[in-house]
Protein backbone atom coordinates (compact mmCIF):
# COMPACT_ATOMS: atom_id res chain seq x y z
CA UNK A 1 16.89 6.06 18.58
CA UNK A 2 13.71 7.96 19.43
CA UNK A 3 13.82 6.76 23.02
CA UNK A 4 17.41 7.90 23.47
CA UNK A 5 16.99 11.26 21.73
CA UNK A 6 13.66 12.06 23.39
CA UNK A 7 15.06 11.06 26.76
CA UNK A 8 17.89 13.56 26.34
CA UNK A 9 15.51 16.26 25.10
CA UNK A 10 13.35 15.70 28.18
CA UNK A 11 16.38 16.09 30.45
CA UNK A 12 17.14 19.45 28.80
CA UNK A 13 13.54 20.65 29.04
CA UNK A 14 12.59 20.33 25.37
CA UNK A 15 9.53 18.70 23.83
CA UNK A 16 9.78 15.36 22.03
CA UNK A 17 10.86 15.15 18.40
CA UNK A 18 7.21 14.34 17.64
CA UNK A 19 6.31 17.90 18.71
CA UNK A 20 9.47 19.73 17.66
CA UNK A 21 9.18 18.61 14.03
CA UNK A 22 6.27 19.18 11.68
CA UNK A 23 4.58 15.94 10.50
CA UNK A 24 6.37 15.90 7.13
CA UNK A 25 9.74 16.56 8.76
CA UNK A 26 9.14 13.84 11.33
CA UNK A 27 8.20 11.31 8.63
CA UNK A 28 11.33 12.33 6.75
CA UNK A 29 13.47 11.73 9.83
CA UNK A 30 12.07 8.23 10.28
CA UNK A 31 12.52 7.47 6.59
CA UNK A 32 16.16 8.59 6.66
CA UNK A 33 16.76 6.58 9.82
CA UNK A 34 15.37 3.45 8.15
CA UNK A 35 17.53 4.01 5.06
CA UNK A 36 20.59 4.38 7.28
CA UNK A 37 19.83 1.12 9.08
CA UNK A 38 19.15 -0.79 5.87
CA UNK A 39 22.44 0.50 4.50
CA UNK A 40 24.33 -0.74 7.57
CA UNK A 41 22.83 -4.20 7.66
CA UNK A 42 22.27 -5.04 3.98
CA UNK A 43 24.86 -6.87 1.92
CA UNK A 44 23.16 -6.00 -1.36
CA UNK A 45 21.92 -2.43 -0.92
CA UNK A 46 23.73 0.82 -0.18
CA UNK A 47 22.41 4.31 0.53
CA UNK A 48 22.16 6.59 -2.51
CA UNK A 49 24.72 9.36 -1.88
CA UNK A 50 23.12 11.70 -4.42
CA UNK A 51 21.09 14.42 -2.66
CA UNK A 52 17.41 13.54 -3.06
CA UNK A 53 18.41 10.83 -5.50
CA UNK A 54 16.07 8.01 -6.47
CA UNK A 55 15.84 5.35 -5.19
CA UNK A 56 17.00 5.74 -1.59
CA UNK A 57 18.91 2.45 -1.65
CA UNK A 58 20.94 1.28 -4.64
CA UNK A 59 22.35 -2.09 -5.63
CA UNK A 60 25.83 -2.10 -4.13
CA UNK A 61 28.47 -1.15 -6.70
CA UNK A 62 25.97 -0.34 -9.49
CA UNK A 63 26.92 3.36 -9.75
CA UNK A 64 30.16 5.31 -9.32
CA UNK A 65 30.42 6.53 -5.75
CA UNK A 66 27.04 4.90 -5.00
CA UNK A 67 25.33 8.06 -6.25
CA UNK A 68 22.76 8.61 -8.98
CA UNK A 69 19.98 11.15 -9.54
CA UNK A 70 17.53 8.76 -11.20
CA UNK A 71 18.60 5.14 -10.85
CA UNK A 72 17.40 2.59 -13.41
CA UNK A 73 19.10 -0.56 -12.13
CA UNK A 74 16.84 -1.61 -9.29
CA UNK A 75 17.09 -0.62 -5.65
CA UNK A 76 14.56 0.30 -2.99
CA UNK A 77 12.72 3.55 -2.27
CA UNK A 78 11.76 3.95 1.40
CA UNK A 79 8.77 5.90 2.71
CA UNK A 80 7.69 6.38 6.31
CA UNK A 81 4.08 7.39 6.86
CA UNK A 82 1.67 7.87 9.74
CA UNK A 83 -1.23 7.11 7.39
CA UNK A 84 -2.75 3.69 6.69
CA UNK A 85 -3.23 4.35 2.97
CA UNK A 86 -2.61 6.91 0.24
CA UNK A 87 1.16 6.80 0.78
CA UNK A 88 2.83 9.53 -1.23
CA UNK A 89 5.89 10.12 -3.37
CA UNK A 90 7.24 12.95 -5.49
CA UNK A 91 6.14 11.23 -8.69
CA UNK A 92 4.54 8.03 -10.03
CA UNK A 93 7.37 5.58 -10.57
CA UNK A 94 7.77 1.90 -11.29
CA UNK A 95 10.11 0.06 -8.94
CA UNK A 96 10.52 -1.51 -5.53
CA UNK A 97 9.10 0.42 -2.59
CA UNK A 98 9.23 -0.03 1.16
CA UNK A 99 6.57 1.68 3.30
CA UNK A 100 7.12 1.93 7.04
CA UNK A 101 3.75 2.68 8.62
CA UNK A 102 3.93 4.16 12.09
CA UNK A 103 1.48 5.36 14.75
CA UNK A 104 2.01 8.94 15.91
CA UNK A 105 0.12 10.19 18.96
CA UNK A 106 -0.69 13.88 18.43
CA UNK A 107 -3.85 13.89 20.54
CA UNK A 108 -4.20 17.52 21.60
CA UNK A 109 -6.50 16.44 24.46
CA UNK A 110 -3.55 14.75 26.17
CA UNK A 111 -0.70 16.41 28.02
CA UNK A 112 2.56 16.01 26.08
CA UNK A 113 4.02 13.69 28.71
CA UNK A 114 0.93 11.46 28.53
CA UNK A 115 1.11 10.85 24.79
CA UNK A 116 2.09 7.41 23.54
CA UNK A 117 5.54 6.91 22.02
CA UNK A 118 5.80 6.41 18.28
CA UNK A 119 5.43 2.76 17.26
CA UNK A 120 5.95 1.01 13.94
CA UNK A 121 2.76 -0.75 12.90
CA UNK A 122 3.91 -2.42 9.71
CA UNK A 123 6.67 -2.69 7.12
CA UNK A 124 5.61 -3.38 3.54
CA UNK A 125 7.75 -4.13 0.49
CA UNK A 126 6.48 -4.58 -3.07
CA UNK A 127 7.26 -3.82 -6.68
CA UNK A 128 4.87 -1.19 -8.01
CA UNK A 129 4.03 -0.01 -11.52
CA UNK A 130 3.28 3.54 -12.59
CA UNK A 131 -0.40 2.50 -12.83
CA UNK A 132 -0.35 1.89 -9.06
CA UNK A 133 -0.07 5.65 -8.49
CA UNK A 134 -2.42 8.59 -8.93
CA UNK A 135 -1.03 12.04 -9.75
CA UNK A 136 -2.22 15.33 -8.31
CA UNK A 137 -0.54 18.33 -10.00
CA UNK A 138 0.38 21.33 -7.91
CA UNK A 139 -2.39 23.91 -7.66
CA UNK A 140 -1.77 27.09 -9.61
CA UNK A 141 0.05 29.66 -7.52
CA UNK A 142 1.11 27.11 -4.88
CA UNK A 143 4.75 26.54 -3.97
CA UNK A 144 4.32 22.84 -3.21
CA UNK A 145 5.07 20.44 -6.07
CA UNK A 146 2.64 17.84 -7.39
CA UNK A 147 2.05 14.67 -5.40
CA UNK A 148 1.78 11.02 -6.39
CA UNK A 149 -0.32 8.79 -4.12
CA UNK A 150 -0.49 5.00 -3.99
CA UNK A 151 -3.84 3.76 -5.33
CA UNK A 152 -5.80 0.77 -4.06
CA UNK A 153 -3.97 -1.61 -6.40
CA UNK A 154 -0.60 -0.42 -5.10
CA UNK A 155 -1.70 -0.58 -1.48
CA UNK A 156 -2.90 -4.15 -1.97
CA UNK A 157 0.47 -5.16 -3.45
CA UNK A 158 2.31 -3.55 -0.56
CA UNK A 159 0.08 -5.07 2.12
CA UNK A 160 0.36 -8.52 0.55
CA UNK A 161 4.13 -7.99 0.61
CA UNK A 162 4.18 -7.20 4.33
CA UNK A 163 7.43 -8.32 5.95
CA UNK A 164 6.41 -7.36 9.49
CA UNK A 165 3.12 -6.50 11.21
CA UNK A 166 2.77 -5.40 14.82
CA UNK A 167 0.59 -8.05 16.55
CA UNK A 168 -1.75 -5.31 17.80
CA UNK A 169 -2.28 -4.15 14.19
CA UNK A 170 -2.78 -7.56 12.56
CA UNK A 171 -6.58 -7.44 12.71
CA UNK A 172 -6.81 -3.96 11.15
CA UNK A 173 -4.30 -5.01 8.50
CA UNK A 174 -6.26 -8.16 7.63
CA UNK A 175 -9.52 -6.20 7.38
CA UNK A 176 -7.87 -3.65 5.11
CA UNK A 177 -6.47 -6.40 2.87
CA UNK A 178 -9.92 -7.98 2.58
CA UNK A 179 -11.48 -4.60 1.75
CA UNK A 180 -8.89 -4.00 -0.98
CA UNK A 181 -9.38 -7.50 -2.38
CA UNK A 182 -13.13 -6.94 -2.54
CA UNK A 183 -12.58 -3.65 -4.38
CA UNK A 184 -10.18 -5.34 -6.78
CA UNK A 185 -12.65 -8.16 -7.34
CA UNK A 186 -15.50 -5.71 -7.93
CA UNK A 187 -13.50 -3.90 -10.59
CA UNK A 188 -12.95 -7.14 -12.55
CA UNK A 189 -16.01 -9.17 -11.54
CA UNK A 190 -17.87 -9.06 -14.86
CA UNK A 191 -14.93 -10.33 -16.91
CA UNK A 192 -14.19 -13.02 -14.33
CA UNK A 193 -17.82 -14.18 -14.33
CA UNK A 194 -17.86 -14.40 -18.13
CA UNK A 195 -14.66 -16.47 -18.08
CA UNK A 196 -16.14 -18.89 -15.53
CA UNK A 197 -19.33 -19.36 -17.55
CA UNK A 198 -17.41 -19.80 -20.81
CA UNK A 199 -15.28 -22.55 -19.25
CA UNK A 200 -18.25 -24.40 -17.73
CA UNK A 201 -19.91 -27.27 -19.60
CA UNK A 202 -23.25 -26.58 -17.97
CA UNK A 203 -25.20 -23.57 -16.62
CA UNK A 204 -24.25 -22.37 -13.16
CA UNK A 205 -26.14 -20.71 -10.33
CA UNK A 206 -24.91 -17.53 -8.69
CA UNK A 207 -23.69 -19.56 -5.71
CA UNK A 208 -21.74 -21.88 -7.99
CA UNK A 209 -20.16 -18.95 -9.82
CA UNK A 210 -19.19 -17.38 -6.48
CA UNK A 211 -17.64 -20.68 -5.37
CA UNK A 212 -15.61 -20.90 -8.59
CA UNK A 213 -14.33 -17.35 -8.12
CA UNK A 214 -13.68 -17.47 -4.38
CA UNK A 215 -10.43 -19.44 -4.61
CA UNK A 216 -8.63 -17.29 -7.21
CA UNK A 217 -9.92 -14.12 -5.52
CA UNK A 218 -8.73 -15.42 -2.13
CA UNK A 219 -12.06 -14.39 -0.63
CA UNK A 220 -14.90 -16.33 1.03
CA UNK A 221 -17.67 -17.23 -1.42
CA UNK A 222 -20.34 -15.76 0.85
CA UNK A 223 -18.46 -12.45 0.87
CA UNK A 224 -18.52 -12.02 -2.90
CA UNK A 225 -21.95 -13.59 -3.55
CA UNK A 226 -23.84 -10.28 -3.48
CA UNK A 227 -21.46 -8.78 -6.02
CA UNK A 228 -21.71 -11.87 -8.20
CA UNK A 229 -25.52 -11.74 -8.16
CA UNK A 230 -25.65 -8.06 -9.13
CA UNK A 231 -23.10 -8.52 -11.92
CA UNK A 232 -24.92 -11.58 -13.27
CA UNK A 233 -28.18 -9.62 -13.46
CA UNK A 234 -26.41 -6.80 -15.26
CA UNK A 235 -24.74 -9.17 -17.72
CA UNK A 236 -28.04 -10.98 -18.32
CA UNK A 237 -29.87 -7.71 -19.05
CA UNK A 238 -27.19 -6.73 -21.57
CA UNK A 239 -27.25 -10.16 -23.24
CA UNK A 240 -23.65 -10.99 -22.39
CA UNK A 241 -24.88 -14.04 -20.46
CA UNK A 242 -28.13 -15.98 -20.79
CA UNK A 243 -30.54 -17.71 -18.41
CA UNK A 244 -31.31 -21.15 -19.87
CA UNK A 245 -33.31 -22.07 -16.75
CA UNK A 246 -34.52 -20.47 -13.56
CA UNK A 247 -31.61 -19.45 -11.32
CA UNK A 248 -29.01 -20.64 -13.82
CA UNK A 249 -26.65 -18.67 -16.04
CA UNK A 250 -24.54 -19.59 -19.04
CA UNK A 251 -22.42 -18.12 -21.79
CA UNK A 252 -24.48 -17.30 -24.95
């Protein structure tokens, strides 16, 4: 679609859609285009005919005229974004979301005709909870409404639910997933360590604890070892775990 439209615009002497539209408008165009395509090819989902209704795609036949302001019977909300994280919505909602991540070349150092065409880097689909969003109210005196942004937990769910990744983006995607997993592990490390020690019949070293946790965390043991060591020291100083022998830890 972009190739055909931009080709015609070029013939008529206009700039590309990427330059004619502001970033938000361009993202909106891509989002609407995706919704239209999903509607055409899906047997189960149909476009929500209600203006600015939620979600963008509804279960076919669930509502009269396939239109509802705030649907509560499933469906899929679609977002297109040029960003690799912090994807936004009008409000924190629980439900199924699709994020289409694209690369937009707006390098002002390049001539317009030398800029790269828009490419889709990834398509993610996941079910999110309200807790997977942060909320930023509108500043006093500003016209713009408040904004909900996907948090790390929501981004991890979406990236793990990736249905397509551009081969040139696979490495960056994998690194981002690992970073998010490490952050998620760090947030829950102390409780996980306590559970491992409580289930063990004998004291464990930091390396052994890291090995026990690596599988469930889906991370290499050597990658989480530093975090395990620091958390074990903290837990030992607070008395939540004990050191029955040098280099070993156990539940009290």
